[in-house]
């Protein structure tokens, strides 16, 4: 079994730094630095996608190698 690669992309150009992603993440994957979210604990991510779903600017994308697995 191969290890699945997880990626979290923050589109800094559209992010307004509201902090909703930081507040809703149950695993504290994000931190606000210089007014923008930064992934500080990727290993803790459970891919619940609350950050992506709650972002009002659609600035966060959670993905990885297993996105198309059924």
PDB file of N, CA and C in Angstrom:
ATOM      1  N   UNK A   1       0.845  -1.189   0.000  1.00  0.00           N
ATOM      2  CA  UNK A   1       0.000   0.000   0.000  1.00  0.00           C
ATOM      3  C   UNK A   1       0.883   1.242   0.000  1.00  0.00           C
ATOM      4  N   UNK A   2       0.623   2.134  -0.935  1.00  0.00           N
ATOM      5  CA  UNK A   2       1.425   3.352  -1.012  1.00  0.00           C
ATOM      6  C   UNK A   2       0.821   4.436  -0.144  1.00  0.00           C
ATOM      7  N   UNK A   3       1.686   5.297   0.331  1.00  0.00           N
ATOM      8  CA  UNK A   3       1.236   6.392   1.182  1.00  0.00           C
ATOM      9  C   UNK A   3       0.550   7.457   0.335  1.00  0.00           C
ATOM     10  N   UNK A   4      -0.582   7.952   0.810  1.00  0.00           N
ATOM     11  CA  UNK A   4      -1.338   8.963   0.088  1.00  0.00           C
ATOM     12  C   UNK A   4      -0.760  10.340   0.386  1.00  0.00           C
ATOM     13  N   UNK A   5      -0.632  11.148  -0.644  1.00  0.00           N
ATOM     14  CA  UNK A   5      -0.088  12.492  -0.510  1.00  0.00           C
ATOM     15  C   UNK A   5      -1.236  13.470  -0.298  1.00  0.00           C
ATOM     16  N   UNK A   6      -1.121  14.273   0.732  1.00  0.00           N
ATOM     17  CA  UNK A   6      -2.134  15.270   1.056  1.00  0.00           C
ATOM     18  C   UNK A   6      -1.589  16.652   0.735  1.00  0.00           C
ATOM     19  N   UNK A   7      -2.430  17.474   0.138  1.00  0.00           N
ATOM     20  CA  UNK A   7      -2.043  18.843  -0.177  1.00  0.00           C
ATOM     21  C   UNK A   7      -3.146  19.794   0.269  1.00  0.00           C
ATOM     22  N   UNK A   8      -2.738  20.906   0.851  1.00  0.00           N
ATOM     23  CA  UNK A   8      -3.669  21.978   1.184  1.00  0.00           C
ATOM     24  C   UNK A   8      -3.113  23.242   0.545  1.00  0.00           C
ATOM     25  N   UNK A   9      -3.878  23.805  -0.380  1.00  0.00           N
ATOM     26  CA  UNK A   9      -3.442  25.008  -1.067  1.00  0.00           C
ATOM     27  C   UNK A   9      -4.228  26.209  -0.563  1.00  0.00           C
ATOM     28  N   UNK A  10      -3.526  27.255  -0.208  1.00  0.00           N
ATOM     29  CA  UNK A  10      -4.145  28.518   0.180  1.00  0.00           C
ATOM     30  C   UNK A  10      -3.847  29.526  -0.922  1.00  0.00           C
ATOM     31  N   UNK A  11      -4.896  29.998  -1.565  1.00  0.00           N
ATOM     32  CA  UNK A  11      -4.735  30.979  -2.645  1.00  0.00           C
ATOM     33  C   UNK A  11      -4.598  32.356  -1.998  1.00  0.00           C
ATOM     34  N   UNK A  12      -3.365  32.773  -1.802  1.00  0.00           N
ATOM     35  CA  UNK A  12      -3.101  34.006  -1.064  1.00  0.00           C
ATOM     36  C   UNK A  12      -3.662  35.249  -1.746  1.00  0.00           C
ATOM     37  N   UNK A  13      -3.765  35.235  -3.059  1.00  0.00           N
ATOM     38  CA  UNK A  13      -4.263  36.413  -3.776  1.00  0.00           C
ATOM     39  C   UNK A  13      -5.734  36.678  -3.505  1.00  0.00           C
ATOM     40  N   UNK A  14      -6.510  35.636  -3.196  1.00  0.00           N
ATOM     41  CA  UNK A  14      -7.939  35.838  -2.947  1.00  0.00           C
ATOM     42  C   UNK A  14      -8.292  35.776  -1.462  1.00  0.00           C
ATOM     43  N   UNK A  15      -7.390  35.260  -0.647  1.00  0.00           N
ATOM     44  CA  UNK A  15      -7.642  35.154   0.786  1.00  0.00           C
ATOM     45  C   UNK A  15      -7.608  36.540   1.432  1.00  0.00           C
ATOM     46  N   UNK A  16      -8.642  36.839   2.231  1.00  0.00           N
ATOM     47  CA  UNK A  16      -8.668  38.122   2.924  1.00  0.00           C
ATOM     48  C   UNK A  16      -8.235  37.997   4.383  1.00  0.00           C
ATOM     49  N   UNK A  17      -7.861  36.802   4.807  1.00  0.00           N
ATOM     50  CA  UNK A  17      -7.330  36.612   6.155  1.00  0.00           C
ATOM     51  C   UNK A  17      -8.372  36.685   7.253  1.00  0.00           C
ATOM     52  N   UNK A  18      -9.567  36.188   6.991  1.00  0.00           N
ATOM     53  CA  UNK A  18     -10.655  36.268   7.972  1.00  0.00           C
ATOM     54  C   UNK A  18     -10.448  35.335   9.161  1.00  0.00           C
ATOM     55  N   UNK A  19      -9.692  34.247   8.964  1.00  0.00           N
ATOM     56  CA  UNK A  19      -9.413  33.318  10.050  1.00  0.00           C
ATOM     57  C   UNK A  19     -10.458  32.240  10.263  1.00  0.00           C
ATOM     58  N   UNK A  20     -11.451  32.166   9.405  1.00  0.00           N
ATOM     59  CA  UNK A  20     -12.498  31.152   9.553  1.00  0.00           C
ATOM     60  C   UNK A  20     -11.911  29.744   9.445  1.00  0.00           C
ATOM     61  N   UNK A  21     -10.967  29.551   8.538  1.00  0.00           N
ATOM     62  CA  UNK A  21     -10.335  28.240   8.385  1.00  0.00           C
ATOM     63  C   UNK A  21      -9.628  27.825   9.668  1.00  0.00           C
ATOM     64  N   UNK A  22      -8.974  28.762  10.301  1.00  0.00           N
ATOM     65  CA  UNK A  22      -8.267  28.486  11.554  1.00  0.00           C
ATOM     66  C   UNK A  22      -9.268  28.113  12.643  1.00  0.00           C
ATOM     67  N   UNK A  23     -10.369  28.848  12.719  1.00  0.00           N
ATOM     68  CA  UNK A  23     -11.371  28.626  13.760  1.00  0.00           C
ATOM     69  C   UNK A  23     -12.110  27.299  13.597  1.00  0.00           C
ATOM     70  N   UNK A  24     -12.397  26.888  12.364  1.00  0.00           N
ATOM     71  CA  UNK A  24     -13.193  25.686  12.136  1.00  0.00           C
ATOM     72  C   UNK A  24     -12.386  24.396  12.080  1.00  0.00           C
ATOM     73  N   UNK A  25     -11.075  24.486  11.907  1.00  0.00           N
ATOM     74  CA  UNK A  25     -10.264  23.275  11.796  1.00  0.00           C
ATOM     75  C   UNK A  25     -10.221  22.536  13.136  1.00  0.00           C
ATOM     76  N   UNK A  26     -10.746  21.300  13.171  1.00  0.00           N
ATOM     77  CA  UNK A  26     -10.773  20.556  14.433  1.00  0.00           C
ATOM     78  C   UNK A  26      -9.404  20.039  14.865  1.00  0.00           C
ATOM     79  N   UNK A  27      -8.440  20.043  13.970  1.00  0.00           N
ATOM     80  CA  UNK A  27      -7.108  19.493  14.262  1.00  0.00           C
ATOM     81  C   UNK A  27      -6.013  20.550  14.337  1.00  0.00           C
ATOM     82  N   UNK A  28      -6.404  21.811  14.256  1.00  0.00           N
ATOM     83  CA  UNK A  28      -5.455  22.926  14.355  1.00  0.00           C
ATOM     84  C   UNK A  28      -4.319  22.816  13.326  1.00  0.00           C
ATOM     85  N   UNK A  29      -4.732  22.604  12.078  1.00  0.00           N
ATOM     86  CA  UNK A  29      -3.782  22.474  10.982  1.00  0.00           C
ATOM     87  C   UNK A  29      -3.245  23.851  10.563  1.00  0.00           C
ATOM     88  N   UNK A  30      -4.047  24.901  10.769  1.00  0.00           N
ATOM     89  CA  UNK A  30      -3.685  26.245  10.322  1.00  0.00           C
ATOM     90  C   UNK A  30      -3.277  27.154  11.463  1.00  0.00           C
ATOM     91  N   UNK A  31      -2.520  28.178  11.089  1.00  0.00           N
ATOM     92  CA  UNK A  31      -2.187  29.273  11.986  1.00  0.00           C
ATOM     93  C   UNK A  31      -2.243  30.549  11.156  1.00  0.00           C
ATOM     94  N   UNK A  32      -2.616  31.655  11.773  1.00  0.00           N
ATOM     95  CA  UNK A  32      -2.583  32.931  11.059  1.00  0.00           C
ATOM     96  C   UNK A  32      -1.213  33.561  11.258  1.00  0.00           C
ATOM     97  N   UNK A  33      -0.547  33.841  10.154  1.00  0.00           N
ATOM     98  CA  UNK A  33       0.749  34.502  10.189  1.00  0.00           C
ATOM     99  C   UNK A  33       0.716  35.653   9.209  1.00  0.00           C
ATOM    100  N   UNK A  34       1.023  36.838   9.704  1.00  0.00           N
ATOM    101  CA  UNK A  34       0.968  38.054   8.881  1.00  0.00           C
ATOM    102  C   UNK A  34      -0.407  38.236   8.249  1.00  0.00           C
ATOM    103  N   UNK A  35      -1.450  37.844   8.974  1.00  0.00           N
ATOM    104  CA  UNK A  35      -2.813  38.028   8.513  1.00  0.00           C
ATOM    105  C   UNK A  35      -3.308  37.024   7.492  1.00  0.00           C
ATOM    106  N   UNK A  36      -2.555  35.971   7.249  1.00  0.00           N
ATOM    107  CA  UNK A  36      -2.952  34.942   6.279  1.00  0.00           C
ATOM    108  C   UNK A  36      -2.807  33.561   6.908  1.00  0.00           C
ATOM    109  N   UNK A  37      -3.665  32.605   6.519  1.00  0.00           N
ATOM    110  CA  UNK A  37      -3.538  31.250   7.063  1.00  0.00           C
ATOM    111  C   UNK A  37      -2.333  30.524   6.471  1.00  0.00           C
ATOM    112  N   UNK A  38      -1.664  29.797   7.334  1.00  0.00           N
ATOM    113  CA  UNK A  38      -0.501  29.005   6.938  1.00  0.00           C
ATOM    114  C   UNK A  38      -0.708  27.600   7.481  1.00  0.00           C
ATOM    115  N   UNK A  39      -0.417  26.596   6.677  1.00  0.00           N
ATOM    116  CA  UNK A  39      -0.505  25.206   7.117  1.00  0.00           C
ATOM    117  C   UNK A  39       0.705  24.927   8.006  1.00  0.00           C
ATOM    118  N   UNK A  40       0.430  24.652   9.285  1.00  0.00           N
ATOM    119  CA  UNK A  40       1.527  24.416  10.236  1.00  0.00           C
ATOM    120  C   UNK A  40       1.548  22.993  10.768  1.00  0.00           C
ATOM    121  N   UNK A  41       0.484  22.218  10.489  1.00  0.00           N
ATOM    122  CA  UNK A  41       0.408  20.863  11.030  1.00  0.00           C
ATOM    123  C   UNK A  41      -0.295  19.941  10.032  1.00  0.00           C
ATOM    124  N   UNK A  42       0.280  19.798   8.853  1.00  0.00           N
ATOM    125  CA  UNK A  42      -0.335  19.015   7.769  1.00  0.00           C
ATOM    126  C   UNK A  42      -0.595  17.571   8.180  1.00  0.00           C
ATOM    127  N   UNK A  43       0.292  16.998   8.981  1.00  0.00           N
ATOM    128  CA  UNK A  43       0.156  15.606   9.391  1.00  0.00           C
ATOM    129  C   UNK A  43      -1.123  15.353  10.188  1.00  0.00           C
ATOM    130  N   UNK A  44      -1.648  16.385  10.841  1.00  0.00           N
ATOM    131  CA  UNK A  44      -2.853  16.237  11.660  1.00  0.00           C
ATOM    132  C   UNK A  44      -4.145  16.305  10.840  1.00  0.00           C
ATOM    133  N   UNK A  45      -4.053  16.750   9.595  1.00  0.00           N
ATOM    134  CA  UNK A  45      -5.240  16.941   8.764  1.00  0.00           C
ATOM    135  C   UNK A  45      -5.972  15.617   8.532  1.00  0.00           C
ATOM    136  N   UNK A  46      -7.292  15.631   8.735  1.00  0.00           N
ATOM    137  CA  UNK A  46      -8.131  14.449   8.529  1.00  0.00           C
ATOM    138  C   UNK A  46      -9.005  14.591   7.268  1.00  0.00           C
ATOM    139  N   UNK A  47      -8.727  15.599   6.476  1.00  0.00           N
ATOM    140  CA  UNK A  47      -9.444  15.872   5.224  1.00  0.00           C
ATOM    141  C   UNK A  47     -10.952  16.017   5.421  1.00  0.00           C
ATOM    142  N   UNK A  48     -11.347  16.637   6.513  1.00  0.00           N
ATOM    143  CA  UNK A  48     -12.775  16.901   6.721  1.00  0.00           C
ATOM    144  C   UNK A  48     -13.262  18.029   5.808  1.00  0.00           C
ATOM    145  N   UNK A  49     -12.328  18.828   5.321  1.00  0.00           N
ATOM    146  CA  UNK A  49     -12.571  19.933   4.396  1.00  0.00           C
ATOM    147  C   UNK A  49     -13.437  21.044   4.979  1.00  0.00           C
ATOM    148  N   UNK A  50     -13.516  21.147   6.300  1.00  0.00           N
ATOM    149  CA  UNK A  50     -14.263  22.258   6.894  1.00  0.00           C
ATOM    150  C   UNK A  50     -13.648  23.592   6.504  1.00  0.00           C
ATOM    151  N   UNK A  51     -12.327  23.642   6.411  1.00  0.00           N
ATOM    152  CA  UNK A  51     -11.660  24.882   6.011  1.00  0.00           C
ATOM    153  C   UNK A  51     -12.099  25.293   4.602  1.00  0.00           C
ATOM    154  N   UNK A  52     -12.109  24.323   3.700  1.00  0.00           N
ATOM    155  CA  UNK A  52     -12.488  24.580   2.314  1.00  0.00           C
ATOM    156  C   UNK A  52     -13.961  24.962   2.204  1.00  0.00           C
ATOM    157  N   UNK A  53     -14.809  24.254   2.923  1.00  0.00           N
ATOM    158  CA  UNK A  53     -16.255  24.500   2.854  1.00  0.00           C
ATOM    159  C   UNK A  53     -16.668  25.829   3.465  1.00  0.00           C
ATOM    160  N   UNK A  54     -15.981  26.247   4.521  1.00  0.00           N
ATOM    161  CA  UNK A  54     -16.355  27.476   5.231  1.00  0.00           C
ATOM    162  C   UNK A  54     -15.712  28.735   4.679  1.00  0.00           C
ATOM    163  N   UNK A  55     -14.688  28.597   3.846  1.00  0.00           N
ATOM    164  CA  UNK A  55     -13.978  29.762   3.327  1.00  0.00           C
ATOM    165  C   UNK A  55     -14.894  30.585   2.418  1.00  0.00           C
ATOM    166  N   UNK A  56     -15.175  31.834   2.800  1.00  0.00           N
ATOM    167  CA  UNK A  56     -16.081  32.649   1.986  1.00  0.00           C
ATOM    168  C   UNK A  56     -15.468  33.098   0.657  1.00  0.00           C
ATOM    169  N   UNK A  57     -14.153  32.981   0.534  1.00  0.00           N
ATOM    170  CA  UNK A  57     -13.470  33.433  -0.679  1.00  0.00           C
ATOM    171  C   UNK A  57     -13.028  32.285  -1.574  1.00  0.00           C
ATOM    172  N   UNK A  58     -13.361  31.037  -1.198  1.00  0.00           N
ATOM    173  CA  UNK A  58     -12.933  29.854  -1.949  1.00  0.00           C
ATOM    174  C   UNK A  58     -11.413  29.853  -2.141  1.00  0.00           C
ATOM    175  N   UNK A  59     -10.708  30.237  -1.081  1.00  0.00           N
ATOM    176  CA  UNK A  59      -9.258  30.395  -1.149  1.00  0.00           C
ATOM    177  C   UNK A  59      -8.502  29.154  -0.695  1.00  0.00           C
ATOM    178  N   UNK A  60      -9.211  28.130  -0.223  1.00  0.00           N
ATOM    179  CA  UNK A  60      -8.552  26.926   0.270  1.00  0.00           C
ATOM    180  C   UNK A  60      -9.023  25.716  -0.524  1.00  0.00           C
ATOM    181  N   UNK A  61      -8.058  24.901  -0.921  1.00  0.00           N
ATOM    182  CA  UNK A  61      -8.357  23.663  -1.634  1.00  0.00           C
ATOM    183  C   UNK A  61      -7.622  22.530  -0.920  1.00  0.00           C
ATOM    184  N   UNK A  62      -8.394  21.536  -0.483  1.00  0.00           N
ATOM    185  CA  UNK A  62      -7.822  20.350   0.158  1.00  0.00           C
ATOM    186  C   UNK A  62      -7.858  19.231  -0.865  1.00  0.00           C
ATOM    187  N   UNK A  63      -6.716  18.639  -1.120  1.00  0.00           N
ATOM    188  CA  UNK A  63      -6.655  17.576  -2.114  1.00  0.00           C
ATOM    189  C   UNK A  63      -5.506  16.639  -1.848  1.00  0.00           C
ATOM    190  N   UNK A  64      -5.291  15.793  -2.815  1.00  0.00           N
ATOM    191  CA  UNK A  64      -4.209  14.824  -2.705  1.00  0.00           C
ATOM    192  C   UNK A  64      -4.401  13.703  -3.688  1.00  0.00           C
ATOM    193  N   UNK A  65      -3.549  12.719  -3.601  1.00  0.00           N
ATOM    194  CA  UNK A  65      -3.538  11.612  -4.546  1.00  0.00           C
ATOM    195  C   UNK A  65      -4.805  10.770  -4.542  1.00  0.00           C
ATOM    196  N   UNK A  66      -5.504  10.703  -3.416  1.00  0.00           N
ATOM    197  CA  UNK A  66      -6.657   9.811  -3.319  1.00  0.00           C
ATOM    198  C   UNK A  66      -7.990  10.489  -3.588  1.00  0.00           C
ATOM    199  N   UNK A  67      -7.990  11.665  -4.185  1.00  0.00           N
ATOM    200  CA  UNK A  67      -9.238  12.395  -4.438  1.00  0.00           C
ATOM    201  C   UNK A  67     -10.187  11.646  -5.349  1.00  0.00           C
ATOM    202  N   UNK A  68      -9.667  10.818  -6.255  1.00  0.00           N
ATOM    203  CA  UNK A  68     -10.516  10.116  -7.207  1.00  0.00           C
ATOM    204  C   UNK A  68     -10.804   8.688  -6.814  1.00  0.00           C
ATOM    205  N   UNK A  69     -10.293   8.256  -5.649  1.00  0.00           N
ATOM    206  CA  UNK A  69     -10.573   6.894  -5.182  1.00  0.00           C
ATOM    207  C   UNK A  69     -12.038   6.768  -4.812  1.00  0.00           C
ATOM    208  N   UNK A  70     -12.633   5.642  -5.181  1.00  0.00           N
ATOM    209  CA  UNK A  70     -14.045   5.401  -4.845  1.00  0.00           C
ATOM    210  C   UNK A  70     -14.160   4.269  -3.863  1.00  0.00           C
TER     211      UNK A  70
END
